[in-house]
Amino acid sequence: MGIPTDIKPFVTTKLISPLGKLRAGLDLLKKTYSNAER
């Protein structure tokens, strides 16, 4: 998919559902774990 340089086209597109956009946004807040922590 690539790395977006502008958020507006992502937010306004109808190709991705509102729930999909919310899940994508939550990935930015989700804590990452290393293999040693699991």
N, C-alpha and C. Protein backbone atom coordinates (compact mmCIF):
# COMPACT_ATOMS: atom_id res chain seq x y z
N MET A 1 0.82 -1.18 0.00
CA MET A 1 0.00 0.00 0.00
C MET A 1 0.87 1.25 0.00
N GLY A 2 1.89 1.31 0.79
CA GLY A 2 2.75 2.47 0.83
C GLY A 2 2.51 3.34 2.04
N ILE A 3 3.35 4.33 2.18
CA ILE A 3 3.24 5.24 3.32
C ILE A 3 2.59 6.53 2.84
N PRO A 4 1.43 6.89 3.38
CA PRO A 4 0.78 8.12 2.93
C PRO A 4 1.51 9.36 3.43
N THR A 5 1.54 10.37 2.59
CA THR A 5 2.17 11.63 2.99
C THR A 5 1.13 12.67 3.40
N ASP A 6 -0.14 12.38 3.11
CA ASP A 6 -1.23 13.28 3.47
C ASP A 6 -2.39 12.45 3.99
N ILE A 7 -2.97 12.83 5.11
CA ILE A 7 -4.03 12.05 5.76
C ILE A 7 -5.40 12.30 5.13
N LYS A 8 -5.62 13.45 4.53
CA LYS A 8 -6.95 13.81 4.02
C LYS A 8 -7.50 12.82 2.99
N PRO A 9 -6.72 12.39 1.98
CA PRO A 9 -7.26 11.42 1.04
C PRO A 9 -7.66 10.10 1.71
N PHE A 10 -6.93 9.68 2.70
CA PHE A 10 -7.27 8.45 3.42
C PHE A 10 -8.58 8.60 4.18
N VAL A 11 -8.76 9.74 4.82
CA VAL A 11 -9.97 9.98 5.62
C VAL A 11 -11.20 10.13 4.73
N THR A 12 -11.05 10.74 3.57
CA THR A 12 -12.21 11.03 2.74
C THR A 12 -12.56 9.93 1.73
N THR A 13 -11.71 8.93 1.55
CA THR A 13 -12.00 7.88 0.57
C THR A 13 -13.15 6.99 1.02
N LYS A 14 -13.90 6.49 0.05
CA LYS A 14 -14.98 5.55 0.35
C LYS A 14 -14.53 4.11 0.13
N LEU A 15 -13.27 3.92 -0.26
CA LEU A 15 -12.75 2.57 -0.49
C LEU A 15 -12.53 1.82 0.82
N ILE A 16 -12.34 2.55 1.91
CA ILE A 16 -12.12 1.95 3.23
C ILE A 16 -13.28 2.36 4.12
N SER A 17 -13.86 1.38 4.81
CA SER A 17 -15.02 1.65 5.67
C SER A 17 -14.60 2.50 6.87
N PRO A 18 -15.56 3.17 7.51
CA PRO A 18 -15.24 3.93 8.72
C PRO A 18 -14.62 3.05 9.80
N LEU A 19 -15.10 1.82 9.93
CA LEU A 19 -14.52 0.90 10.91
C LEU A 19 -13.08 0.55 10.55
N GLY A 20 -12.80 0.37 9.29
CA GLY A 20 -11.44 0.10 8.84
C GLY A 20 -10.50 1.26 9.12
N LYS A 21 -11.00 2.46 8.94
CA LYS A 21 -10.20 3.66 9.23
C LYS A 21 -9.93 3.77 10.72
N LEU A 22 -10.93 3.42 11.53
CA LEU A 22 -10.75 3.45 12.98
C LEU A 22 -9.71 2.42 13.41
N ARG A 23 -9.78 1.22 12.86
CA ARG A 23 -8.80 0.18 13.21
C ARG A 23 -7.39 0.59 12.79
N ALA A 24 -7.27 1.21 11.63
CA ALA A 24 -5.96 1.68 11.17
C ALA A 24 -5.42 2.75 12.11
N GLY A 25 -6.29 3.62 12.59
CA GLY A 25 -5.88 4.66 13.53
C GLY A 25 -5.47 4.09 14.87
N LEU A 26 -6.14 3.03 15.30
CA LEU A 26 -5.81 2.42 16.59
C LEU A 26 -4.45 1.73 16.55
N ASP A 27 -4.00 1.32 15.37
CA ASP A 27 -2.67 0.72 15.25
C ASP A 27 -1.58 1.70 15.68
N LEU A 28 -1.84 2.98 15.53
CA LEU A 28 -0.85 3.98 15.94
C LEU A 28 -0.74 4.06 17.46
N LEU A 29 -1.79 3.68 18.17
CA LEU A 29 -1.82 3.77 19.63
C LEU A 29 -1.47 2.46 20.32
N LYS A 30 -1.51 1.36 19.59
CA LYS A 30 -1.30 0.04 20.16
C LYS A 30 0.17 -0.15 20.54
N LYS A 31 0.39 -0.69 21.73
CA LYS A 31 1.75 -0.94 22.19
C LYS A 31 2.34 -2.13 21.45
N THR A 32 3.59 -2.01 21.05
CA THR A 32 4.26 -3.12 20.38
C THR A 32 5.07 -3.91 21.39
N TYR A 33 5.18 -5.19 21.16
CA TYR A 33 5.92 -6.08 22.04
C TYR A 33 7.04 -6.76 21.25
N SER A 34 8.13 -6.99 21.93
CA SER A 34 9.20 -7.75 21.31
C SER A 34 8.96 -9.23 21.60
N ASN A 35 9.66 -10.10 20.92
CA ASN A 35 9.50 -11.54 21.14
C ASN A 35 9.90 -11.94 22.55
N ALA A 36 10.82 -11.22 23.16
CA ALA A 36 11.28 -11.55 24.51
C ALA A 36 10.20 -11.27 25.56
N GLU A 37 9.29 -10.36 25.29
CA GLU A 37 8.26 -9.99 26.25
C GLU A 37 7.07 -10.94 26.23
N ARG A 38 6.96 -11.77 25.23
CA ARG A 38 5.80 -12.67 25.11
C ARG A 38 6.00 -13.94 25.81
